[in-house]
Protein backbone atom coordinates (compact mmCIF):
# COMPACT_ATOMS: atom_id res chain seq x y z
CA MET A 1 240.34 219.50 85.84
CA THR A 2 239.30 219.67 82.17
CA GLY A 3 239.05 216.23 80.69
CA THR A 4 238.65 214.34 83.89
CA ASN A 5 236.72 211.23 83.67
CA ILE A 6 234.82 210.25 86.71
CA LEU A 7 233.24 206.95 87.30
CA ALA A 8 229.96 207.57 89.10
CA VAL A 9 228.28 204.82 91.14
CA ASP A 10 224.84 204.82 92.68
CA ILE A 11 224.68 202.23 95.34
CA GLY A 12 221.05 200.69 95.72
CA GLY A 13 219.40 198.36 97.80
CA THR A 14 218.36 196.35 94.60
CA HIS A 15 220.88 197.53 91.88
CA VAL A 16 224.18 199.10 91.54
CA LYS A 17 224.13 201.65 88.72
CA PHE A 18 227.35 203.15 87.12
CA ARG A 19 228.61 205.28 84.34
CA THR A 20 231.49 207.58 83.31
CA ASN A 21 231.71 210.67 81.41
CA ARG A 22 232.56 208.73 78.47
CA HIS A 23 230.36 205.76 79.10
CA LYS A 24 227.07 207.78 79.33
CA VAL A 25 224.54 204.97 79.30
CA HIS A 26 223.97 203.82 82.84
CA GLN A 27 224.77 200.03 83.31
CA SER A 28 223.71 198.00 86.45
CA PHE A 29 224.08 194.76 88.37
CA ASP A 30 222.01 193.34 91.21
CA SER A 31 222.77 194.20 94.77
CA GLY A 32 220.66 193.19 97.74
CA ALA A 33 220.92 191.99 101.44
CA ASP A 34 224.11 189.74 100.69
CA MET A 35 226.09 192.60 99.00
CA THR A 36 229.18 193.62 101.08
CA PRO A 37 231.52 196.27 99.76
CA ALA A 38 233.90 193.70 98.77
CA VAL A 39 231.36 191.89 96.60
CA MET A 40 230.28 195.04 95.05
CA MET A 41 234.02 196.07 94.24
CA SER A 42 234.43 192.60 92.59
CA SER A 43 231.08 192.83 90.40
CA LEU A 44 232.11 196.43 89.51
CA ALA A 45 235.50 195.58 88.30
CA GLU A 46 234.22 192.68 86.23
CA HIS A 47 231.52 195.19 84.57
CA THR A 48 234.01 198.02 84.01
CA LYS A 49 236.96 195.88 82.80
CA GLY A 50 239.06 198.12 80.33
CA TRP A 51 237.40 201.30 81.61
CA LYS A 52 239.60 204.22 82.22
CA TYR A 53 238.59 206.95 84.85
CA ASP A 54 240.46 209.26 87.21
CA LYS A 55 238.14 209.78 90.09
CA VAL A 56 235.13 208.04 91.71
CA SER A 57 231.91 209.46 93.01
CA LEU A 58 229.83 207.07 95.25
CA GLY A 59 226.23 207.64 96.08
CA TYR A 60 225.62 205.78 99.24
CA PRO A 61 222.19 204.57 100.62
CA GLY A 62 222.66 206.08 104.12
CA PRO A 63 224.37 208.82 106.10
CA VAL A 64 227.60 210.12 104.98
CA ALA A 65 230.17 212.14 106.99
CA ASN A 66 233.66 213.23 105.53
CA HIS A 67 233.17 211.11 102.40
CA ARG A 68 232.68 207.85 104.46
CA PRO A 69 229.57 205.97 105.50
CA SER A 70 228.50 206.83 109.07
CA LEU A 71 225.99 204.01 109.56
CA GLU A 72 225.56 200.51 107.84
CA PRO A 73 223.05 200.48 105.14
CA HIS A 74 219.46 198.92 105.93
CA ASN A 75 219.12 196.96 102.63
CA LEU A 76 222.78 195.63 102.17
CA ALA A 77 225.13 193.38 103.90
CA PRO A 78 227.31 195.07 106.68
CA GLY A 79 231.01 196.12 106.43
CA TRP A 80 230.58 199.38 104.79
CA THR A 81 231.57 201.93 107.60
CA LYS A 82 235.18 200.46 107.78
CA PHE A 83 235.85 199.62 104.21
CA ASP A 84 238.59 201.58 102.46
CA PHE A 85 237.09 202.69 99.19
CA ALA A 86 240.07 204.80 97.94
CA LYS A 87 242.44 201.93 98.67
CA ALA A 88 239.99 199.47 96.76
CA PHE A 89 239.63 201.75 93.74
CA LYS A 90 243.29 203.06 93.86
CA LYS A 91 241.69 206.42 92.84
CA PRO A 92 240.47 209.40 94.55
CA VAL A 93 236.93 208.64 95.91
CA ARG A 94 234.11 211.23 97.01
CA MET A 95 231.08 209.70 98.68
CA MET A 96 227.83 211.41 99.12
CA ASN A 97 224.20 210.27 100.16
CA ASP A 98 222.52 208.61 97.20
CA ALA A 99 219.43 210.85 97.52
CA ALA A 100 221.36 214.04 97.86
CA MET A 101 223.24 213.31 94.91
CA GLN A 102 220.08 212.47 92.91
CA ALA A 103 218.55 215.68 94.32
CA LEU A 104 221.34 217.98 93.13
CA GLY A 105 220.75 216.30 89.65
CA SER A 106 217.06 217.14 89.53
CA TYR A 107 217.20 220.72 91.29
CA LYS A 108 215.65 223.61 89.36
CA GLY A 109 216.00 226.32 91.91
CA GLY A 110 214.06 227.50 95.12
CA ARG A 111 213.11 225.07 97.82
CA MET A 112 212.93 221.36 96.80
CA LEU A 113 212.27 218.19 98.58
CA PHE A 114 213.45 214.98 96.97
CA LEU A 115 212.12 211.58 97.69
CA GLY A 116 213.60 208.43 96.33
CA LEU A 117 211.08 205.52 95.92
CA GLY A 118 213.22 202.56 95.59
CA THR A 119 213.88 199.54 97.80
CA GLY A 120 213.65 201.92 100.81
CA LEU A 121 213.06 205.75 100.86
CA GLY A 122 215.76 208.16 100.12
CA SER A 123 215.20 211.87 100.99
CA ALA A 124 216.99 215.27 100.64
CA LEU A 125 216.20 218.76 100.91
CA VAL A 126 217.87 221.44 98.59
CA LEU A 127 217.47 225.14 99.60
CA ASP A 128 218.76 227.80 97.20
CA GLY A 129 221.37 225.44 95.98
CA LEU A 130 222.50 223.92 99.33
CA VAL A 131 221.64 220.24 99.64
CA GLN A 132 220.79 218.59 103.00
CA PRO A 133 220.51 214.99 103.23
CA LEU A 134 217.72 213.66 105.31
CA GLU A 135 216.76 210.31 106.90
CA LEU A 136 212.93 210.59 106.59
CA ALA A 137 212.89 206.73 105.84
CA HIS A 138 213.20 205.82 109.43
CA LEU A 139 211.05 208.62 110.76
CA GLY A 140 207.93 207.56 112.66
CA TRP A 141 204.72 208.29 110.78
CA ARG A 142 201.48 206.42 111.51
CA LYS A 143 200.48 203.48 113.62
CA ASN A 144 204.02 203.03 114.98
CA LYS A 145 205.45 202.54 111.52
CA THR A 146 208.10 204.49 109.63
CA TYR A 147 207.70 206.37 106.32
CA GLU A 148 209.81 203.39 104.66
CA GLU A 149 207.37 200.94 105.97
CA TYR A 150 204.61 202.66 103.96
CA LEU A 151 206.56 203.94 100.95
CA GLY A 152 209.21 201.31 100.33
CA LEU A 153 209.33 198.50 97.90
CA GLY A 154 208.25 196.09 100.77
CA ALA A 155 204.93 198.12 101.10
CA LEU A 156 204.28 198.17 97.41
CA GLN A 157 204.70 194.42 97.31
CA ARG A 158 202.71 193.82 100.39
CA ASP A 159 199.74 196.34 99.81
CA GLY A 160 199.39 196.54 96.11
CA LYS A 161 199.79 199.67 93.89
CA LYS A 162 196.59 201.21 94.76
CA LYS A 163 196.82 201.28 98.62
CA TRP A 164 200.81 202.14 98.19
CA ARG A 165 199.80 205.00 95.70
CA LYS A 166 197.32 206.45 98.42
CA ASN A 167 199.98 206.31 101.19
CA VAL A 168 202.40 208.01 98.83
CA ASP A 169 199.92 210.81 98.15
CA HIS A 170 199.26 211.26 101.95
CA ALA A 171 202.87 211.46 102.66
CA LEU A 172 203.41 213.99 100.04
CA GLU A 173 200.78 216.26 101.35
CA ALA A 174 202.17 216.00 105.03
CA LEU A 175 205.76 216.51 103.88
CA LEU A 176 204.93 219.51 101.58
CA ALA A 177 203.35 221.11 104.62
CA ALA A 178 206.15 220.18 107.07
CA PHE A 179 209.09 221.49 104.80
CA LEU A 180 207.36 224.48 103.17
CA VAL A 181 209.12 223.70 99.90
CA ASP A 182 208.19 224.90 96.46
CA TYR A 183 208.02 221.42 94.88
CA ILE A 184 208.81 217.74 95.46
CA VAL A 185 210.83 215.64 93.07
CA LEU A 186 210.24 211.77 93.19
CA GLY A 187 213.02 209.63 91.98
CA GLY A 188 214.04 205.97 92.37
CA GLY A 189 212.94 202.94 90.52
CA ASN A 190 209.20 203.17 91.72
CA ALA A 191 208.58 206.72 90.79
CA LYS A 192 207.58 205.72 87.33
CA ARG A 193 204.51 204.11 89.01
CA ILE A 194 203.28 207.44 90.02
CA ASP A 195 200.79 208.81 87.36
CA ASP A 196 198.71 211.87 87.66
CA ALA A 197 200.82 213.34 90.17
CA PRO A 198 199.90 216.53 92.05
CA LYS A 199 200.91 219.80 90.38
CA TYR A 200 203.72 220.46 92.81
CA VAL A 201 205.31 217.09 92.22
CA THR A 202 207.76 216.33 89.33
CA ILE A 203 208.79 212.80 88.45
CA GLY A 204 212.75 212.91 88.18
């Protein structure tokens, strides 16, 4: 409805980012492997004290079914699949895979693949305006390792930027050919580390 103020929350493996229609500057606090949904709710309540909003939109770092997590996140503490977010917020809540949410925000038409280079690897495909969340992070790629093991934050810290960037380039070429998309959008906190990207890549 007109005038509805929505609290948008992007739950990541390193940070939780949030804003509303009226608080347009993103704010954030740290997340990490010890963050349960109850811990997140406590921190969020502290940071948004005094805020007024009507509904909540949650971006979740994993598969989502019927606006609820269908699997526990890989980079956070457990407890998410059974947590009642609507009861905790006391507001209507809609949940979406975080990469799918970011993908829709970056979409410019046609066939697009979104890759979120953050703590892990988010992914989503948008075809003619319809978004399909993907789970490329845990798909086997090379030497019995997954895409996330080559492209996630752990790989960047372990291998250094030069080798990590080379692996990103190889992955982009492979995924462009596999999905036959018009372009690829890179988002997430580590997308800013990609300079001189191929012509078919946009930094979101």
